[in-house]
């Protein structure tokens, strides 16, 4: 049986925050032009990370919306990944 996680995403005014709860928990803040510190919390301990956000784009309509995040993740001062996350919702 795979891990189930609860992910809460909030976005407004050009920034976003993601909270992840499960076997691995995290609180990531996405603010364009800033590197924000955070951590992944695992059963083995805490792993410090930083998120360097290039852009946060939010489009909302009467039927839903779309959130686009473009960012790098750093561990130990080294860039470990470059990511783009696109999230679409419908109501």
C-alpha atoms as a PDB file:
ATOM      1  CA  UNK A   1       0.000   0.000   0.000  1.00  0.00           C
ATOM      2  CA  UNK A   2       1.446   3.389  -1.010  1.00  0.00           C
ATOM      3  CA  UNK A   3       1.818   6.414   1.196  1.00  0.00           C
ATOM      4  CA  UNK A   4      -1.100   8.819   1.341  1.00  0.00           C
ATOM      5  CA  UNK A   5      -0.294  12.466   1.824  1.00  0.00           C
ATOM      6  CA  UNK A   6      -2.426  15.524   2.408  1.00  0.00           C
ATOM      7  CA  UNK A   7      -1.255  18.557   0.435  1.00  0.00           C
ATOM      8  CA  UNK A   8      -2.678  22.021   1.028  1.00  0.00           C
ATOM      9  CA  UNK A   9      -1.820  24.762  -1.424  1.00  0.00           C
ATOM     10  CA  UNK A  10      -2.601  28.455  -0.925  1.00  0.00           C
ATOM     11  CA  UNK A  11      -1.830  31.183  -3.416  1.00  0.00           C
ATOM     12  CA  UNK A  12      -2.516  34.910  -3.551  1.00  0.00           C
ATOM     13  CA  UNK A  13      -0.828  38.168  -4.548  1.00  0.00           C
ATOM     14  CA  UNK A  14       1.915  36.504  -6.613  1.00  0.00           C
ATOM     15  CA  UNK A  15       3.112  34.053  -3.976  1.00  0.00           C
ATOM     16  CA  UNK A  16       2.186  30.542  -2.877  1.00  0.00           C
ATOM     17  CA  UNK A  17       2.601  28.201   0.088  1.00  0.00           C
ATOM     18  CA  UNK A  18       2.453  24.415   0.066  1.00  0.00           C
ATOM     19  CA  UNK A  19       1.954  22.303   3.185  1.00  0.00           C
ATOM     20  CA  UNK A  20       2.486  18.568   2.888  1.00  0.00           C
ATOM     21  CA  UNK A  21       1.517  16.166   5.658  1.00  0.00           C
ATOM     22  CA  UNK A  22       2.202  12.440   5.628  1.00  0.00           C
ATOM     23  CA  UNK A  23       5.227  10.182   6.152  1.00  0.00           C
ATOM     24  CA  UNK A  24       7.218  13.141   4.816  1.00  0.00           C
ATOM     25  CA  UNK A  25       6.024  16.612   5.824  1.00  0.00           C
ATOM     26  CA  UNK A  26       7.102  19.972   4.457  1.00  0.00           C
ATOM     27  CA  UNK A  27       6.177  23.636   4.343  1.00  0.00           C
ATOM     28  CA  UNK A  28       7.426  25.325   1.182  1.00  0.00           C
ATOM     29  CA  UNK A  29       6.980  29.027   0.439  1.00  0.00           C
ATOM     30  CA  UNK A  30       7.213  30.299  -3.141  1.00  0.00           C
ATOM     31  CA  UNK A  31       7.975  34.038  -3.404  1.00  0.00           C
ATOM     32  CA  UNK A  32       9.428  35.254  -6.718  1.00  0.00           C
ATOM     33  CA  UNK A  33      12.974  36.596  -6.439  1.00  0.00           C
ATOM     34  CA  UNK A  34      13.506  35.118  -2.969  1.00  0.00           C
ATOM     35  CA  UNK A  35      15.167  32.011  -1.569  1.00  0.00           C
ATOM     36  CA  UNK A  36      13.122  30.747   1.374  1.00  0.00           C
ATOM     37  CA  UNK A  37      14.337  28.197   3.922  1.00  0.00           C
ATOM     38  CA  UNK A  38      12.292  25.160   4.845  1.00  0.00           C
ATOM     39  CA  UNK A  39      12.688  21.487   5.660  1.00  0.00           C
ATOM     40  CA  UNK A  40      11.352  18.077   4.784  1.00  0.00           C
ATOM     41  CA  UNK A  41      10.532  16.199   7.988  1.00  0.00           C
ATOM     42  CA  UNK A  42      10.897  12.420   7.634  1.00  0.00           C
ATOM     43  CA  UNK A  43      10.871   9.474  10.023  1.00  0.00           C
ATOM     44  CA  UNK A  44      14.690   9.663   9.824  1.00  0.00           C
ATOM     45  CA  UNK A  45      14.888  13.323  10.806  1.00  0.00           C
ATOM     46  CA  UNK A  46      14.730  16.776   9.295  1.00  0.00           C
ATOM     47  CA  UNK A  47      16.297  17.605   5.913  1.00  0.00           C
ATOM     48  CA  UNK A  48      16.885  21.361   5.455  1.00  0.00           C
ATOM     49  CA  UNK A  49      16.016  22.726   2.004  1.00  0.00           C
ATOM     50  CA  UNK A  50      15.652  26.112   0.362  1.00  0.00           C
ATOM     51  CA  UNK A  51      13.336  27.110  -2.483  1.00  0.00           C
ATOM     52  CA  UNK A  52      14.486  29.787  -4.941  1.00  0.00           C
ATOM     53  CA  UNK A  53      11.380  30.900  -6.850  1.00  0.00           C
ATOM     54  CA  UNK A  54      11.613  32.329 -10.362  1.00  0.00           C
ATOM     55  CA  UNK A  55       7.884  32.879 -10.893  1.00  0.00           C
ATOM     56  CA  UNK A  56       4.394  32.329  -9.489  1.00  0.00           C
ATOM     57  CA  UNK A  57       1.507  32.779 -11.923  1.00  0.00           C
ATOM     58  CA  UNK A  58      -2.127  32.539 -10.839  1.00  0.00           C
ATOM     59  CA  UNK A  59      -5.131  32.614 -13.179  1.00  0.00           C
ATOM     60  CA  UNK A  60      -8.599  32.302 -11.621  1.00  0.00           C
ATOM     61  CA  UNK A  61     -11.950  32.102 -13.420  1.00  0.00           C
ATOM     62  CA  UNK A  62     -15.544  31.318 -12.430  1.00  0.00           C
ATOM     63  CA  UNK A  63     -14.924  27.648 -13.348  1.00  0.00           C
ATOM     64  CA  UNK A  64     -11.595  27.104 -11.558  1.00  0.00           C
ATOM     65  CA  UNK A  65      -8.067  28.217 -12.168  1.00  0.00           C
ATOM     66  CA  UNK A  66      -4.430  27.451 -12.732  1.00  0.00           C
ATOM     67  CA  UNK A  67      -1.294  27.940 -10.637  1.00  0.00           C
ATOM     68  CA  UNK A  68       2.136  27.762 -12.260  1.00  0.00           C
ATOM     69  CA  UNK A  69       5.311  27.615 -10.150  1.00  0.00           C
ATOM     70  CA  UNK A  70       8.858  27.797 -11.537  1.00  0.00           C
ATOM     71  CA  UNK A  71      11.582  27.197  -8.928  1.00  0.00           C
ATOM     72  CA  UNK A  72      14.871  25.562  -7.874  1.00  0.00           C
ATOM     73  CA  UNK A  73      15.386  23.409  -4.780  1.00  0.00           C
ATOM     74  CA  UNK A  74      18.646  23.617  -2.800  1.00  0.00           C
ATOM     75  CA  UNK A  75      20.049  21.201  -0.229  1.00  0.00           C
ATOM     76  CA  UNK A  76      23.274  21.957   1.591  1.00  0.00           C
ATOM     77  CA  UNK A  77      23.711  25.100  -0.493  1.00  0.00           C
ATOM     78  CA  UNK A  78      23.747  23.084  -3.746  1.00  0.00           C
ATOM     79  CA  UNK A  79      20.978  23.229  -6.344  1.00  0.00           C
ATOM     80  CA  UNK A  80      19.511  19.730  -6.451  1.00  0.00           C
ATOM     81  CA  UNK A  81      16.628  20.281  -8.854  1.00  0.00           C
ATOM     82  CA  UNK A  82      14.917  22.748 -11.122  1.00  0.00           C
ATOM     83  CA  UNK A  83      11.151  22.355 -11.366  1.00  0.00           C
ATOM     84  CA  UNK A  84       8.004  23.720 -12.917  1.00  0.00           C
ATOM     85  CA  UNK A  85       4.710  22.741 -11.300  1.00  0.00           C
ATOM     86  CA  UNK A  86       1.392  23.391 -13.051  1.00  0.00           C
ATOM     87  CA  UNK A  87      -1.778  22.848 -10.997  1.00  0.00           C
ATOM     88  CA  UNK A  88      -5.239  23.143 -12.531  1.00  0.00           C
ATOM     89  CA  UNK A  89      -8.528  23.021 -10.605  1.00  0.00           C
ATOM     90  CA  UNK A  90     -12.170  23.028 -11.627  1.00  0.00           C
ATOM     91  CA  UNK A  91     -15.242  23.954  -9.589  1.00  0.00           C
END
